[in-house]
């Protein structure tokens, strides 16, 4: 396996800001502004947010955040892998790290919103056991969005 490490880090670092800018540009190329549900770096620095960085030979290769909702659930936000690091299973490793962290926090469910024009992301989530669900939290129905969740512990009240 390639030398990929994943650790919780602060998001306000030049390398990470570059990844977030790349993520913003990618999302903007696929969806109109009203269908982009990105959070800014100040949100990623808030209590209840765990931010993880994947590094390949020391360089930032991907990132993601787990945002706790305070009700036993959390949402994955800002999952992004640098295109130059694709093929190294960085997304899969980040997802496994987020899920393990969610379990250590005692969460019942992890949820996410992703766009319908991202088949690689959708495939990753489905392969990891995420299933489609209706919009949650502050989300409204959007034909360009796909809402998914995965129970970490059973039985879980998935209708929260």
C-alpha atoms as a PDB file:
ATOM      1  CA  UNK A   1       0.000   0.000   0.000  1.00  0.00           C
ATOM      2  CA  UNK A   2       1.199   3.542  -0.704  1.00  0.00           C
ATOM      3  CA  UNK A   3       2.452   5.605   2.229  1.00  0.00           C
ATOM      4  CA  UNK A   4      -0.822   7.362   3.085  1.00  0.00           C
ATOM      5  CA  UNK A   5      -1.409   8.620   6.608  1.00  0.00           C
ATOM      6  CA  UNK A   6      -4.604  10.113   8.022  1.00  0.00           C
ATOM      7  CA  UNK A   7      -4.773  12.288  11.102  1.00  0.00           C
ATOM      8  CA  UNK A   8      -6.995  14.894  12.675  1.00  0.00           C
ATOM      9  CA  UNK A   9      -5.567  18.310  11.831  1.00  0.00           C
ATOM     10  CA  UNK A  10      -6.519  21.968  11.807  1.00  0.00           C
ATOM     11  CA  UNK A  11      -8.127  22.993   8.516  1.00  0.00           C
ATOM     12  CA  UNK A  12      -6.555  26.468   8.282  1.00  0.00           C
ATOM     13  CA  UNK A  13      -3.268  25.430   6.666  1.00  0.00           C
ATOM     14  CA  UNK A  14      -2.093  26.545   3.211  1.00  0.00           C
ATOM     15  CA  UNK A  15      -2.127  22.977   1.812  1.00  0.00           C
ATOM     16  CA  UNK A  16      -5.611  22.343   3.179  1.00  0.00           C
ATOM     17  CA  UNK A  17      -6.968  25.672   1.980  1.00  0.00           C
ATOM     18  CA  UNK A  18      -5.692  24.711  -1.480  1.00  0.00           C
ATOM     19  CA  UNK A  19      -7.603  21.411  -1.280  1.00  0.00           C
ATOM     20  CA  UNK A  20     -10.762  23.244  -0.192  1.00  0.00           C
ATOM     21  CA  UNK A  21     -10.389  25.716  -3.076  1.00  0.00           C
ATOM     22  CA  UNK A  22      -9.995  22.801  -5.489  1.00  0.00           C
ATOM     23  CA  UNK A  23     -13.116  21.226  -3.977  1.00  0.00           C
ATOM     24  CA  UNK A  24     -15.044  24.482  -4.389  1.00  0.00           C
ATOM     25  CA  UNK A  25     -13.997  24.797  -8.029  1.00  0.00           C
ATOM     26  CA  UNK A  26     -14.904  21.167  -8.740  1.00  0.00           C
ATOM     27  CA  UNK A  27     -18.356  21.526  -7.156  1.00  0.00           C
ATOM     28  CA  UNK A  28     -18.952  24.813  -9.008  1.00  0.00           C
ATOM     29  CA  UNK A  29     -18.114  23.087 -12.303  1.00  0.00           C
ATOM     30  CA  UNK A  30     -20.843  20.481 -11.669  1.00  0.00           C
ATOM     31  CA  UNK A  31     -23.667  22.297  -9.873  1.00  0.00           C
ATOM     32  CA  UNK A  32     -25.325  25.706  -9.624  1.00  0.00           C
ATOM     33  CA  UNK A  33     -24.609  27.705  -6.457  1.00  0.00           C
ATOM     34  CA  UNK A  34     -27.983  26.844  -4.886  1.00  0.00           C
ATOM     35  CA  UNK A  35     -27.131  23.135  -5.101  1.00  0.00           C
ATOM     36  CA  UNK A  36     -23.677  23.483  -3.535  1.00  0.00           C
ATOM     37  CA  UNK A  37     -23.850  22.865   0.206  1.00  0.00           C
ATOM     38  CA  UNK A  38     -20.232  23.536   1.089  1.00  0.00           C
ATOM     39  CA  UNK A  39     -19.123  24.783   4.496  1.00  0.00           C
ATOM     40  CA  UNK A  40     -16.339  27.333   4.900  1.00  0.00           C
ATOM     41  CA  UNK A  41     -13.129  26.915   6.850  1.00  0.00           C
ATOM     42  CA  UNK A  42     -14.459  28.789   9.903  1.00  0.00           C
ATOM     43  CA  UNK A  43     -17.263  26.216  10.182  1.00  0.00           C
ATOM     44  CA  UNK A  44     -14.656  23.452  10.051  1.00  0.00           C
ATOM     45  CA  UNK A  45     -12.952  25.023  13.091  1.00  0.00           C
ATOM     46  CA  UNK A  46     -16.052  24.930  15.298  1.00  0.00           C
ATOM     47  CA  UNK A  47     -16.541  22.667  18.336  1.00  0.00           C
ATOM     48  CA  UNK A  48     -18.200  19.399  17.374  1.00  0.00           C
ATOM     49  CA  UNK A  49     -16.320  19.256  14.056  1.00  0.00           C
ATOM     50  CA  UNK A  50     -13.517  16.748  13.528  1.00  0.00           C
ATOM     51  CA  UNK A  51     -11.361  17.478  10.483  1.00  0.00           C
ATOM     52  CA  UNK A  52      -9.128  14.806   8.976  1.00  0.00           C
ATOM     53  CA  UNK A  53      -6.322  15.111   6.447  1.00  0.00           C
ATOM     54  CA  UNK A  54      -4.877  12.333   4.325  1.00  0.00           C
ATOM     55  CA  UNK A  55      -1.237  12.783   3.420  1.00  0.00           C
ATOM     56  CA  UNK A  56       0.700  10.932   0.743  1.00  0.00           C
ATOM     57  CA  UNK A  57       4.435  11.047   1.430  1.00  0.00           C
ATOM     58  CA  UNK A  58       3.735  14.028   3.705  1.00  0.00           C
ATOM     59  CA  UNK A  59       1.743  16.131   1.207  1.00  0.00           C
ATOM     60  CA  UNK A  60      -1.974  16.811   1.720  1.00  0.00           C
ATOM     61  CA  UNK A  61      -3.838  14.457  -0.616  1.00  0.00           C
ATOM     62  CA  UNK A  62      -7.394  14.625   0.728  1.00  0.00           C
ATOM     63  CA  UNK A  63      -9.600  15.804   3.547  1.00  0.00           C
ATOM     64  CA  UNK A  64     -12.982  15.396   5.165  1.00  0.00           C
ATOM     65  CA  UNK A  65     -14.886  16.557   8.218  1.00  0.00           C
ATOM     66  CA  UNK A  66     -17.361  14.952  10.572  1.00  0.00           C
ATOM     67  CA  UNK A  67     -19.882  17.487  11.888  1.00  0.00           C
ATOM     68  CA  UNK A  68     -21.799  16.332  14.942  1.00  0.00           C
ATOM     69  CA  UNK A  69     -25.493  17.258  15.036  1.00  0.00           C
ATOM     70  CA  UNK A  70     -25.853  16.765  18.797  1.00  0.00           C
ATOM     71  CA  UNK A  71     -28.534  14.071  18.483  1.00  0.00           C
ATOM     72  CA  UNK A  72     -26.396  10.971  17.989  1.00  0.00           C
ATOM     73  CA  UNK A  73     -25.863  11.697  14.309  1.00  0.00           C
ATOM     74  CA  UNK A  74     -23.164  13.471  12.342  1.00  0.00           C
ATOM     75  CA  UNK A  75     -22.666  14.562   8.762  1.00  0.00           C
ATOM     76  CA  UNK A  76     -19.697  14.102   6.472  1.00  0.00           C
ATOM     77  CA  UNK A  77     -18.663  17.418   4.944  1.00  0.00           C
ATOM     78  CA  UNK A  78     -15.843  18.539   2.641  1.00  0.00           C
ATOM     79  CA  UNK A  79     -14.786  15.057   1.527  1.00  0.00           C
ATOM     80  CA  UNK A  80     -12.304  15.716  -1.257  1.00  0.00           C
ATOM     81  CA  UNK A  81      -9.309  13.947  -2.769  1.00  0.00           C
ATOM     82  CA  UNK A  82      -6.728  15.759  -4.859  1.00  0.00           C
ATOM     83  CA  UNK A  83      -7.080  14.438  -8.438  1.00  0.00           C
ATOM     84  CA  UNK A  84      -3.339  13.656  -8.455  1.00  0.00           C
ATOM     85  CA  UNK A  85      -3.862  11.284  -5.501  1.00  0.00           C
ATOM     86  CA  UNK A  86      -6.786   9.409  -6.991  1.00  0.00           C
ATOM     87  CA  UNK A  87      -6.235   5.680  -7.248  1.00  0.00           C
ATOM     88  CA  UNK A  88      -4.485   5.533  -3.867  1.00  0.00           C
ATOM     89  CA  UNK A  89      -7.750   4.643  -2.060  1.00  0.00           C
ATOM     90  CA  UNK A  90      -7.548   7.940  -0.141  1.00  0.00           C
ATOM     91  CA  UNK A  91     -11.345   8.418  -0.191  1.00  0.00           C
ATOM     92  CA  UNK A  92     -11.952   4.918   1.143  1.00  0.00           C
ATOM     93  CA  UNK A  93      -9.370   5.414   3.881  1.00  0.00           C
ATOM     94  CA  UNK A  94     -10.815   8.796   4.868  1.00  0.00           C
ATOM     95  CA  UNK A  95     -14.295   7.277   5.029  1.00  0.00           C
ATOM     96  CA  UNK A  96     -13.071   4.412   7.217  1.00  0.00           C
ATOM     97  CA  UNK A  97     -11.344   6.917   9.502  1.00  0.00           C
ATOM     98  CA  UNK A  98     -14.480   9.061   9.799  1.00  0.00           C
ATOM     99  CA  UNK A  99     -16.601   6.015  10.588  1.00  0.00           C
ATOM    100  CA  UNK A 100     -14.145   4.793  13.223  1.00  0.00           C
ATOM    101  CA  UNK A 101     -14.119   8.246  14.776  1.00  0.00           C
ATOM    102  CA  UNK A 102     -17.925   8.309  14.750  1.00  0.00           C
ATOM    103  CA  UNK A 103     -18.006   4.963  16.533  1.00  0.00           C
ATOM    104  CA  UNK A 104     -15.544   6.237  19.154  1.00  0.00           C
ATOM    105  CA  UNK A 105     -17.857   9.216  19.746  1.00  0.00           C
ATOM    106  CA  UNK A 106     -20.782   6.825  20.277  1.00  0.00           C
ATOM    107  CA  UNK A 107     -22.695   8.087  17.231  1.00  0.00           C
ATOM    108  CA  UNK A 108     -25.643   6.110  15.930  1.00  0.00           C
ATOM    109  CA  UNK A 109     -25.685   7.325  12.319  1.00  0.00           C
ATOM    110  CA  UNK A 110     -23.474   9.150   9.843  1.00  0.00           C
ATOM    111  CA  UNK A 111     -25.245  11.074   7.085  1.00  0.00           C
ATOM    112  CA  UNK A 112     -24.146  12.908   3.981  1.00  0.00           C
ATOM    113  CA  UNK A 113     -25.306  14.883   0.999  1.00  0.00           C
ATOM    114  CA  UNK A 114     -23.549  14.454  -2.317  1.00  0.00           C
ATOM    115  CA  UNK A 115     -24.306  15.458  -5.865  1.00  0.00           C
ATOM    116  CA  UNK A 116     -25.799  13.200  -8.499  1.00  0.00           C
ATOM    117  CA  UNK A 117     -22.976  14.030 -10.944  1.00  0.00           C
ATOM    118  CA  UNK A 118     -20.312  12.400  -8.759  1.00  0.00           C
ATOM    119  CA  UNK A 119     -20.556   8.678  -9.558  1.00  0.00           C
ATOM    120  CA  UNK A 120     -17.202   7.862  -7.940  1.00  0.00           C
ATOM    121  CA  UNK A 121     -18.296   9.352  -4.610  1.00  0.00           C
ATOM    122  CA  UNK A 122     -21.702   7.684  -4.791  1.00  0.00           C
ATOM    123  CA  UNK A 123     -20.041   4.352  -5.562  1.00  0.00           C
ATOM    124  CA  UNK A 124     -17.654   4.766  -2.630  1.00  0.00           C
ATOM    125  CA  UNK A 125     -20.514   5.486  -0.234  1.00  0.00           C
ATOM    126  CA  UNK A 126     -22.695   2.642  -1.506  1.00  0.00           C
ATOM    127  CA  UNK A 127     -19.800   0.166  -1.311  1.00  0.00           C
ATOM    128  CA  UNK A 128     -19.288   1.240   2.320  1.00  0.00           C
ATOM    129  CA  UNK A 129     -22.936   0.531   3.183  1.00  0.00           C
ATOM    130  CA  UNK A 130     -24.546   3.953   2.880  1.00  0.00           C
ATOM    131  CA  UNK A 131     -28.165   3.915   1.769  1.00  0.00           C
ATOM    132  CA  UNK A 132     -30.341   6.626   0.298  1.00  0.00           C
ATOM    133  CA  UNK A 133     -32.672   8.568   2.572  1.00  0.00           C
ATOM    134  CA  UNK A 134     -34.800  11.711   2.405  1.00  0.00           C
ATOM    135  CA  UNK A 135     -33.258  15.146   3.052  1.00  0.00           C
ATOM    136  CA  UNK A 136     -32.259  15.717   6.685  1.00  0.00           C
ATOM    137  CA  UNK A 137     -31.420  18.677   8.897  1.00  0.00           C
ATOM    138  CA  UNK A 138     -31.706  21.974   7.039  1.00  0.00           C
ATOM    139  CA  UNK A 139     -31.606  20.394   3.568  1.00  0.00           C
ATOM    140  CA  UNK A 140     -34.514  20.781   1.196  1.00  0.00           C
ATOM    141  CA  UNK A 141     -35.301  18.359  -1.631  1.00  0.00           C
ATOM    142  CA  UNK A 142     -32.977  19.045  -4.571  1.00  0.00           C
ATOM    143  CA  UNK A 143     -32.994  17.018  -7.788  1.00  0.00           C
ATOM    144  CA  UNK A 144     -29.202  17.421  -7.949  1.00  0.00           C
ATOM    145  CA  UNK A 145     -28.613  16.073  -4.428  1.00  0.00           C
ATOM    146  CA  UNK A 146     -28.465  12.557  -3.094  1.00  0.00           C
ATOM    147  CA  UNK A 147     -28.886  12.062   0.662  1.00  0.00           C
ATOM    148  CA  UNK A 148     -27.420   8.973   2.296  1.00  0.00           C
ATOM    149  CA  UNK A 149     -26.744   7.508   5.724  1.00  0.00           C
ATOM    150  CA  UNK A 150     -25.131   4.586   7.467  1.00  0.00           C
ATOM    151  CA  UNK A 151     -26.044   3.210  10.877  1.00  0.00           C
ATOM    152  CA  UNK A 152     -22.989   2.720  13.074  1.00  0.00           C
ATOM    153  CA  UNK A 153     -24.851   1.048  15.907  1.00  0.00           C
ATOM    154  CA  UNK A 154     -28.012  -1.013  15.953  1.00  0.00           C
ATOM    155  CA  UNK A 155     -30.744  -0.487  16.749  1.00  0.00           C
ATOM    156  CA  UNK A 156     -30.639   3.145  15.683  1.00  0.00           C
ATOM    157  CA  UNK A 157     -33.533   5.494  15.232  1.00  0.00           C
ATOM    158  CA  UNK A 158     -32.910   6.393  11.587  1.00  0.00           C
ATOM    159  CA  UNK A 159     -35.837   8.809  11.490  1.00  0.00           C
ATOM    160  CA  UNK A 160     -34.211  11.345  13.785  1.00  0.00           C
END
